[in-house]
N, C-alpha and C. Protein backbone atom coordinates (compact mmCIF):
# COMPACT_ATOMS: atom_id res chain seq x y z
N MET A 1 -104.21 -6.39 64.81
CA MET A 1 -104.57 -7.77 64.90
C MET A 1 -103.50 -8.52 65.69
N GLU A 2 -104.00 -9.32 66.71
CA GLU A 2 -103.05 -10.03 67.56
C GLU A 2 -102.66 -11.36 66.94
N LYS A 3 -101.47 -11.76 67.27
CA LYS A 3 -100.93 -13.00 66.77
C LYS A 3 -101.50 -14.16 67.59
N GLU A 4 -101.85 -15.27 66.93
CA GLU A 4 -102.37 -16.44 67.63
C GLU A 4 -101.26 -17.09 68.43
N LYS A 5 -101.62 -17.52 69.67
CA LYS A 5 -100.63 -18.19 70.52
C LYS A 5 -100.53 -19.65 70.11
N LYS A 6 -99.30 -20.13 70.14
CA LYS A 6 -99.07 -21.53 69.83
C LYS A 6 -99.39 -22.37 71.07
N ALA A 7 -99.66 -23.62 70.82
CA ALA A 7 -99.94 -24.53 71.93
C ALA A 7 -98.70 -24.64 72.81
N LYS A 8 -98.95 -24.81 74.09
CA LYS A 8 -97.85 -24.87 75.04
C LYS A 8 -96.96 -26.10 74.81
N HIS A 9 -97.59 -27.22 74.46
CA HIS A 9 -96.83 -28.45 74.22
C HIS A 9 -97.06 -28.89 72.78
N PHE A 10 -96.02 -29.46 72.20
CA PHE A 10 -96.10 -29.92 70.82
C PHE A 10 -97.03 -31.14 70.72
N ILE A 11 -96.93 -32.04 71.68
CA ILE A 11 -97.75 -33.26 71.71
C ILE A 11 -98.81 -33.09 72.80
N GLN A 12 -100.06 -33.36 72.46
CA GLN A 12 -101.13 -33.28 73.44
C GLN A 12 -101.32 -34.65 74.08
N GLN A 13 -101.35 -34.65 75.41
CA GLN A 13 -101.52 -35.89 76.17
C GLN A 13 -102.98 -36.36 76.12
N PRO A 14 -103.20 -37.66 76.17
CA PRO A 14 -104.58 -38.17 76.21
C PRO A 14 -105.21 -37.87 77.57
N GLU A 15 -106.51 -37.61 77.55
CA GLU A 15 -107.23 -37.34 78.78
C GLU A 15 -108.46 -38.23 78.84
N TYR A 16 -108.77 -38.69 80.04
CA TYR A 16 -110.00 -39.47 80.21
C TYR A 16 -111.16 -38.48 80.25
N PRO A 17 -112.24 -38.74 79.52
CA PRO A 17 -113.38 -37.82 79.52
C PRO A 17 -113.93 -37.65 80.94
N GLY A 18 -113.93 -36.43 81.41
CA GLY A 18 -114.39 -36.15 82.77
C GLY A 18 -113.25 -35.93 83.74
N GLY A 19 -112.04 -36.18 83.32
CA GLY A 19 -110.88 -35.92 84.17
C GLY A 19 -110.49 -37.08 85.06
N PRO A 20 -109.53 -36.83 85.93
CA PRO A 20 -109.02 -37.89 86.81
C PRO A 20 -110.08 -38.44 87.78
N ALA A 21 -111.00 -37.61 88.23
CA ALA A 21 -112.04 -38.08 89.15
C ALA A 21 -112.94 -39.10 88.45
N ALA A 22 -113.29 -38.82 87.19
CA ALA A 22 -114.13 -39.75 86.43
C ALA A 22 -113.37 -41.04 86.12
N LEU A 23 -112.07 -40.94 85.90
CA LEU A 23 -111.24 -42.12 85.66
C LEU A 23 -111.25 -43.03 86.89
N THR A 24 -111.03 -42.46 88.06
CA THR A 24 -111.04 -43.23 89.30
C THR A 24 -112.41 -43.85 89.55
N LYS A 25 -113.45 -43.08 89.30
CA LYS A 25 -114.81 -43.58 89.50
C LYS A 25 -115.09 -44.77 88.57
N PHE A 26 -114.67 -44.67 87.31
CA PHE A 26 -114.87 -45.75 86.35
C PHE A 26 -114.13 -47.02 86.78
N ILE A 27 -112.88 -46.86 87.21
CA ILE A 27 -112.07 -48.02 87.60
C ILE A 27 -112.73 -48.77 88.75
N TYR A 28 -113.12 -48.04 89.80
CA TYR A 28 -113.66 -48.72 90.97
C TYR A 28 -115.11 -49.17 90.78
N ALA A 29 -115.82 -48.61 89.81
CA ALA A 29 -117.16 -49.09 89.51
C ALA A 29 -117.11 -50.42 88.76
N ASN A 30 -116.05 -50.67 88.00
CA ASN A 30 -115.92 -51.89 87.21
C ASN A 30 -115.02 -52.95 87.85
N LEU A 31 -114.39 -52.61 88.96
CA LEU A 31 -113.47 -53.52 89.63
C LEU A 31 -114.25 -54.56 90.42
N ARG A 32 -113.92 -55.83 90.22
CA ARG A 32 -114.53 -56.92 90.98
C ARG A 32 -113.44 -57.59 91.81
N TYR A 33 -113.70 -57.73 93.09
CA TYR A 33 -112.71 -58.34 93.99
C TYR A 33 -112.61 -59.83 93.67
N PRO A 34 -111.42 -60.35 93.37
CA PRO A 34 -111.27 -61.77 93.05
C PRO A 34 -111.63 -62.65 94.26
N ALA A 35 -112.25 -63.79 93.99
CA ALA A 35 -112.69 -64.70 95.06
C ALA A 35 -111.50 -65.23 95.86
N ALA A 36 -110.40 -65.52 95.18
CA ALA A 36 -109.22 -66.05 95.88
C ALA A 36 -108.66 -65.01 96.85
N ALA A 37 -108.69 -63.74 96.46
CA ALA A 37 -108.20 -62.68 97.33
C ALA A 37 -109.14 -62.46 98.51
N LEU A 38 -110.44 -62.63 98.28
CA LEU A 38 -111.41 -62.51 99.38
C LEU A 38 -111.18 -63.61 100.40
N GLU A 39 -110.99 -64.85 99.94
CA GLU A 39 -110.77 -65.98 100.85
C GLU A 39 -109.50 -65.79 101.66
N ALA A 40 -108.44 -65.30 101.01
CA ALA A 40 -107.16 -65.12 101.69
C ALA A 40 -107.08 -63.78 102.42
N LYS A 41 -108.12 -62.96 102.30
CA LYS A 41 -108.18 -61.63 102.93
C LYS A 41 -106.97 -60.78 102.54
N ILE A 42 -106.75 -60.67 101.23
CA ILE A 42 -105.62 -59.94 100.68
C ILE A 42 -106.05 -58.50 100.38
N GLU A 43 -105.26 -57.53 100.81
CA GLU A 43 -105.46 -56.13 100.50
C GLU A 43 -104.14 -55.56 100.00
N GLY A 44 -104.22 -54.52 99.19
CA GLY A 44 -103.00 -53.89 98.71
C GLY A 44 -103.24 -53.14 97.41
N THR A 45 -102.15 -52.73 96.79
CA THR A 45 -102.21 -51.94 95.58
C THR A 45 -101.46 -52.64 94.46
N VAL A 46 -102.06 -52.63 93.27
CA VAL A 46 -101.43 -53.15 92.07
C VAL A 46 -101.05 -51.96 91.21
N LEU A 47 -99.81 -51.89 90.79
CA LEU A 47 -99.34 -50.81 89.92
C LEU A 47 -99.29 -51.34 88.50
N VAL A 48 -100.09 -50.73 87.62
CA VAL A 48 -100.19 -51.16 86.23
C VAL A 48 -99.71 -50.02 85.34
N GLU A 49 -98.78 -50.35 84.43
CA GLU A 49 -98.36 -49.39 83.41
C GLU A 49 -99.06 -49.79 82.12
N TYR A 50 -99.61 -48.81 81.41
CA TYR A 50 -100.34 -49.14 80.19
C TYR A 50 -100.00 -48.14 79.09
N ASP A 51 -100.16 -48.61 77.84
CA ASP A 51 -99.87 -47.81 76.66
C ASP A 51 -101.17 -47.42 75.99
N ILE A 52 -101.25 -46.16 75.55
CA ILE A 52 -102.42 -45.64 74.85
C ILE A 52 -101.99 -45.26 73.45
N ASP A 53 -102.70 -45.80 72.45
CA ASP A 53 -102.33 -45.49 71.07
C ASP A 53 -102.90 -44.13 70.66
N TYR A 54 -102.66 -43.74 69.43
CA TYR A 54 -103.06 -42.42 68.93
C TYR A 54 -104.58 -42.27 68.82
N LYS A 55 -105.31 -43.40 68.90
CA LYS A 55 -106.78 -43.34 68.84
C LYS A 55 -107.40 -43.25 70.24
N GLY A 56 -106.61 -43.46 71.29
CA GLY A 56 -107.12 -43.39 72.66
C GLY A 56 -107.42 -44.74 73.27
N ASN A 57 -107.05 -45.82 72.59
CA ASN A 57 -107.29 -47.17 73.10
C ASN A 57 -106.09 -47.66 73.91
N VAL A 58 -106.35 -48.43 74.95
CA VAL A 58 -105.28 -49.06 75.71
C VAL A 58 -104.85 -50.29 74.93
N VAL A 59 -103.58 -50.33 74.51
CA VAL A 59 -103.11 -51.41 73.64
C VAL A 59 -102.19 -52.40 74.34
N ASP A 60 -101.57 -52.00 75.46
CA ASP A 60 -100.66 -52.91 76.15
C ASP A 60 -100.65 -52.57 77.63
N THR A 61 -100.50 -53.60 78.46
CA THR A 61 -100.43 -53.39 79.91
C THR A 61 -99.30 -54.23 80.49
N ARG A 62 -98.72 -53.70 81.57
CA ARG A 62 -97.67 -54.40 82.29
C ARG A 62 -97.91 -54.18 83.78
N VAL A 63 -97.81 -55.24 84.56
CA VAL A 63 -97.95 -55.13 86.02
C VAL A 63 -96.56 -54.87 86.59
N LEU A 64 -96.40 -53.71 87.24
CA LEU A 64 -95.11 -53.36 87.82
C LEU A 64 -95.01 -53.75 89.29
N GLN A 65 -96.13 -53.69 90.00
CA GLN A 65 -96.16 -54.08 91.41
C GLN A 65 -97.30 -55.08 91.56
N THR A 66 -96.96 -56.30 91.90
CA THR A 66 -97.94 -57.38 91.92
C THR A 66 -98.52 -57.59 93.31
N LEU A 67 -99.70 -58.19 93.34
CA LEU A 67 -100.37 -58.50 94.60
C LEU A 67 -100.75 -59.98 94.66
N GLY A 68 -100.99 -60.58 93.49
CA GLY A 68 -101.33 -62.00 93.44
C GLY A 68 -102.79 -62.28 93.73
N PHE A 69 -103.14 -63.56 93.82
CA PHE A 69 -104.48 -64.02 94.14
C PHE A 69 -105.54 -63.51 93.16
N GLY A 70 -105.15 -63.25 91.91
CA GLY A 70 -106.10 -62.81 90.89
C GLY A 70 -106.27 -61.31 90.81
N CYS A 71 -105.65 -60.56 91.72
CA CYS A 71 -105.79 -59.10 91.73
C CYS A 71 -105.10 -58.47 90.52
N ASP A 72 -103.94 -59.02 90.12
CA ASP A 72 -103.21 -58.47 88.98
C ASP A 72 -104.03 -58.59 87.70
N GLU A 73 -104.62 -59.76 87.49
CA GLU A 73 -105.41 -59.99 86.28
C GLU A 73 -106.64 -59.08 86.26
N GLU A 74 -107.25 -58.87 87.42
CA GLU A 74 -108.43 -58.01 87.50
C GLU A 74 -108.06 -56.56 87.22
N ALA A 75 -106.93 -56.11 87.72
CA ALA A 75 -106.48 -54.74 87.48
C ALA A 75 -106.21 -54.53 85.98
N VAL A 76 -105.57 -55.50 85.35
CA VAL A 76 -105.29 -55.41 83.91
C VAL A 76 -106.60 -55.39 83.11
N ARG A 77 -107.56 -56.23 83.52
CA ARG A 77 -108.85 -56.27 82.82
C ARG A 77 -109.56 -54.91 82.87
N VAL A 78 -109.55 -54.27 84.02
CA VAL A 78 -110.23 -52.98 84.16
C VAL A 78 -109.50 -51.90 83.37
N VAL A 79 -108.17 -51.91 83.39
CA VAL A 79 -107.40 -50.89 82.65
C VAL A 79 -107.64 -51.02 81.15
N ARG A 80 -107.79 -52.24 80.67
CA ARG A 80 -108.02 -52.45 79.23
C ARG A 80 -109.39 -51.93 78.79
N LEU A 81 -110.31 -51.71 79.72
CA LEU A 81 -111.62 -51.15 79.38
C LEU A 81 -111.59 -49.64 79.14
N LEU A 82 -110.52 -48.98 79.55
CA LEU A 82 -110.44 -47.52 79.46
C LEU A 82 -110.37 -47.04 78.02
N LYS A 83 -110.96 -45.89 77.78
CA LYS A 83 -110.94 -45.23 76.46
C LYS A 83 -110.64 -43.75 76.69
N PHE A 84 -109.59 -43.25 76.08
CA PHE A 84 -109.15 -41.87 76.28
C PHE A 84 -109.45 -41.01 75.07
N ALA A 85 -109.52 -39.70 75.32
CA ALA A 85 -109.67 -38.72 74.25
C ALA A 85 -108.29 -38.15 73.96
N VAL A 86 -107.86 -38.26 72.70
CA VAL A 86 -106.53 -37.77 72.32
C VAL A 86 -106.72 -36.63 71.32
N GLY A 87 -106.01 -35.54 71.57
CA GLY A 87 -106.08 -34.39 70.66
C GLY A 87 -105.29 -34.65 69.39
N ARG A 88 -105.41 -33.71 68.45
CA ARG A 88 -104.66 -33.83 67.20
C ARG A 88 -103.20 -33.51 67.47
N ASN A 89 -102.35 -34.40 67.05
CA ASN A 89 -100.92 -34.23 67.28
C ASN A 89 -100.17 -34.02 65.96
N ARG A 90 -100.72 -33.17 65.12
CA ARG A 90 -100.09 -32.76 63.87
C ARG A 90 -99.73 -33.94 62.98
N GLY A 91 -100.61 -34.94 62.99
CA GLY A 91 -100.41 -36.09 62.12
C GLY A 91 -99.43 -37.11 62.63
N VAL A 92 -98.88 -36.90 63.80
CA VAL A 92 -97.91 -37.84 64.36
C VAL A 92 -98.67 -38.89 65.17
N LYS A 93 -98.38 -40.16 64.91
CA LYS A 93 -99.01 -41.24 65.67
C LYS A 93 -98.13 -41.55 66.87
N VAL A 94 -98.60 -41.11 68.03
CA VAL A 94 -97.80 -41.21 69.25
C VAL A 94 -98.36 -42.31 70.14
N LEU A 95 -97.47 -43.04 70.80
CA LEU A 95 -97.85 -44.04 71.78
C LEU A 95 -97.55 -43.46 73.16
N PHE A 96 -98.57 -43.33 73.99
CA PHE A 96 -98.42 -42.73 75.31
C PHE A 96 -98.31 -43.81 76.38
N HIS A 97 -97.56 -43.51 77.43
CA HIS A 97 -97.37 -44.44 78.54
C HIS A 97 -97.90 -43.78 79.81
N LYS A 98 -98.75 -44.51 80.54
CA LYS A 98 -99.29 -44.01 81.80
C LYS A 98 -99.27 -45.13 82.83
N LYS A 99 -99.42 -44.75 84.10
CA LYS A 99 -99.46 -45.72 85.19
C LYS A 99 -100.73 -45.51 86.00
N ALA A 100 -101.22 -46.59 86.57
CA ALA A 100 -102.40 -46.52 87.44
C ALA A 100 -102.14 -47.36 88.68
N HIS A 101 -102.44 -46.78 89.83
CA HIS A 101 -102.38 -47.50 91.10
C HIS A 101 -103.80 -47.94 91.41
N ILE A 102 -104.03 -49.25 91.42
CA ILE A 102 -105.37 -49.78 91.67
C ILE A 102 -105.35 -50.47 93.03
N ARG A 103 -106.13 -49.91 93.94
CA ARG A 103 -106.15 -50.40 95.33
C ARG A 103 -107.25 -51.42 95.52
N PHE A 104 -106.88 -52.53 96.12
CA PHE A 104 -107.83 -53.57 96.50
C PHE A 104 -107.99 -53.51 98.01
N LYS A 105 -109.19 -53.19 98.45
CA LYS A 105 -109.49 -53.09 99.87
C LYS A 105 -110.69 -53.98 100.15
N LEU A 106 -110.58 -54.79 101.18
CA LEU A 106 -111.66 -55.72 101.53
C LEU A 106 -112.94 -54.94 101.82
N PRO A 107 -114.07 -55.44 101.34
CA PRO A 107 -115.33 -54.75 101.62
C PRO A 107 -115.64 -54.83 103.11
N ALA A 108 -116.31 -53.79 103.61
CA ALA A 108 -116.68 -53.75 105.03
C ALA A 108 -117.70 -54.85 105.30
N PRO A 109 -117.59 -55.51 106.45
CA PRO A 109 -118.57 -56.54 106.76
C PRO A 109 -119.96 -55.92 106.88
N ALA A 110 -120.96 -56.71 106.53
CA ALA A 110 -122.33 -56.23 106.59
C ALA A 110 -122.70 -55.88 108.03
N ASN A 111 -123.56 -54.91 108.16
CA ASN A 111 -123.97 -54.46 109.49
C ASN A 111 -125.00 -55.41 110.09
N ILE A 112 -124.59 -56.62 110.32
CA ILE A 112 -125.45 -57.62 110.93
C ILE A 112 -125.16 -57.61 112.42
N PRO A 113 -126.20 -57.40 113.24
CA PRO A 113 -125.92 -57.39 114.67
C PRO A 113 -125.49 -58.78 115.14
N VAL A 114 -124.38 -58.80 115.82
CA VAL A 114 -123.84 -60.05 116.34
C VAL A 114 -124.35 -60.21 117.77
N PRO A 115 -124.96 -61.34 118.08
CA PRO A 115 -125.45 -61.50 119.45
C PRO A 115 -124.29 -61.52 120.43
N ALA A 116 -124.52 -60.89 121.57
CA ALA A 116 -123.49 -60.84 122.60
C ALA A 116 -123.25 -62.25 123.13
N PRO A 117 -122.01 -62.59 123.38
CA PRO A 117 -121.73 -63.93 123.88
C PRO A 117 -122.33 -64.11 125.28
N GLN A 118 -122.96 -65.24 125.48
CA GLN A 118 -123.57 -65.55 126.77
C GLN A 118 -122.49 -66.14 127.68
N PRO A 119 -122.58 -65.81 128.96
CA PRO A 119 -121.58 -66.39 129.87
C PRO A 119 -121.77 -67.90 129.94
N ALA A 120 -120.68 -68.58 130.08
CA ALA A 120 -120.72 -70.05 130.11
C ALA A 120 -121.46 -70.52 131.36
N THR A 121 -122.48 -71.28 131.15
CA THR A 121 -123.23 -71.84 132.27
C THR A 121 -123.17 -73.35 132.18
N GLY A 122 -123.43 -73.99 133.30
CA GLY A 122 -123.41 -75.45 133.33
C GLY A 122 -124.55 -76.02 132.50
N MET A 123 -124.31 -77.14 131.89
CA MET A 123 -125.33 -77.79 131.10
C MET A 123 -125.59 -79.14 131.72
N GLN A 124 -126.85 -79.52 131.86
CA GLN A 124 -127.19 -80.77 132.50
C GLN A 124 -127.93 -81.64 131.50
N VAL A 125 -127.51 -82.89 131.43
CA VAL A 125 -128.13 -83.84 130.53
C VAL A 125 -128.62 -85.01 131.38
N ASN A 126 -129.87 -85.36 131.22
CA ASN A 126 -130.44 -86.52 131.91
C ASN A 126 -130.70 -87.61 130.89
N TYR A 127 -130.32 -88.82 131.27
CA TYR A 127 -130.49 -89.95 130.38
C TYR A 127 -131.12 -91.07 131.19
N VAL A 128 -132.23 -91.59 130.74
CA VAL A 128 -132.93 -92.67 131.45
C VAL A 128 -133.04 -93.85 130.51
N TYR A 129 -132.65 -95.01 131.01
CA TYR A 129 -132.70 -96.25 130.22
C TYR A 129 -133.56 -97.24 130.97
N THR A 130 -134.58 -97.74 130.33
CA THR A 130 -135.51 -98.66 130.98
C THR A 130 -135.62 -99.92 130.15
N THR A 131 -135.57 -101.07 130.85
CA THR A 131 -135.79 -102.35 130.18
C THR A 131 -136.99 -103.00 130.85
N ALA A 132 -137.81 -103.64 130.09
CA ALA A 132 -138.98 -104.34 130.64
C ALA A 132 -139.06 -105.71 130.02
N LYS A 133 -139.24 -106.69 130.88
CA LYS A 133 -139.39 -108.07 130.41
C LYS A 133 -140.79 -108.53 130.85
N PRO A 134 -141.73 -108.59 129.94
CA PRO A 134 -143.06 -109.03 130.36
C PRO A 134 -143.08 -110.54 130.62
N GLU A 135 -143.59 -110.91 131.76
CA GLU A 135 -143.79 -112.31 132.12
C GLU A 135 -145.28 -112.60 131.94
N PRO A 136 -145.63 -113.73 131.46
CA PRO A 136 -147.03 -113.98 131.17
C PRO A 136 -147.94 -113.97 132.39
N ALA A 137 -147.52 -114.51 133.51
CA ALA A 137 -148.44 -114.61 134.63
C ALA A 137 -148.13 -113.60 135.73
N GLU A 138 -146.96 -113.02 135.72
CA GLU A 138 -146.55 -112.15 136.82
C GLU A 138 -146.50 -110.69 136.37
N GLN A 139 -146.19 -109.86 137.36
CA GLN A 139 -145.98 -108.44 137.08
C GLN A 139 -144.71 -108.29 136.22
N PRO A 140 -144.69 -107.34 135.29
CA PRO A 140 -143.47 -107.16 134.51
C PRO A 140 -142.34 -106.61 135.38
N LYS A 141 -141.11 -107.11 135.13
CA LYS A 141 -139.94 -106.61 135.86
C LYS A 141 -139.37 -105.43 135.06
N THR A 142 -139.03 -104.40 135.76
CA THR A 142 -138.47 -103.22 135.11
C THR A 142 -137.15 -102.86 135.77
N ASN A 143 -136.17 -102.61 134.95
CA ASN A 143 -134.88 -102.09 135.42
C ASN A 143 -134.75 -100.66 134.89
N THR A 144 -134.50 -99.74 135.76
CA THR A 144 -134.36 -98.34 135.35
C THR A 144 -133.00 -97.84 135.80
N TYR A 145 -132.29 -97.21 134.88
CA TYR A 145 -130.98 -96.62 135.17
C TYR A 145 -131.09 -95.12 134.86
N SER A 146 -130.54 -94.31 135.70
CA SER A 146 -130.60 -92.86 135.50
C SER A 146 -129.19 -92.28 135.64
N TYR A 147 -128.81 -91.45 134.67
CA TYR A 147 -127.49 -90.82 134.67
C TYR A 147 -127.67 -89.31 134.57
N THR A 148 -126.89 -88.55 135.26
CA THR A 148 -126.90 -87.10 135.16
C THR A 148 -125.47 -86.65 134.91
N VAL A 149 -125.30 -85.86 133.84
CA VAL A 149 -123.98 -85.33 133.48
C VAL A 149 -124.07 -83.81 133.57
N THR A 150 -123.18 -83.18 134.30
CA THR A 150 -123.14 -81.74 134.43
C THR A 150 -121.84 -81.23 133.83
N LEU A 151 -121.97 -80.31 132.88
CA LEU A 151 -120.81 -79.70 132.22
C LEU A 151 -120.67 -78.26 132.70
N LYS A 152 -119.48 -77.87 133.02
CA LYS A 152 -119.27 -76.49 133.47
C LYS A 152 -118.25 -75.80 132.59
């Protein structure tokens, strides 16, 4: 009869269900670009350190690398949504520390065809001003003024 092998590590680290790929997918599926960052066209990475309790819940977050314009608050909000699976650690209640790099990248502009700029051509405006004074017994007198403005 063979002897059972002991676990490689005394404390088992928490894992996101589905692994790191699922963790990344969850973060970017729930991430909303802040309106202030969109207006200012801000891109970059926010580094968030977070603590995971023995139940797998995120209990504390700290922003280590800030970006501003609401990106830090959004990164913290998404990290707080995470739920990890923690193995049995022999009855010891352990607090785990992890870091996440959350990248904010401006969305690609919509594929709207932009009309090609037309070459500048001259523009002509005609303006005609007419005054008429009706006389009771005679032909009406008319004054006509004509202006032409050409812009190039």
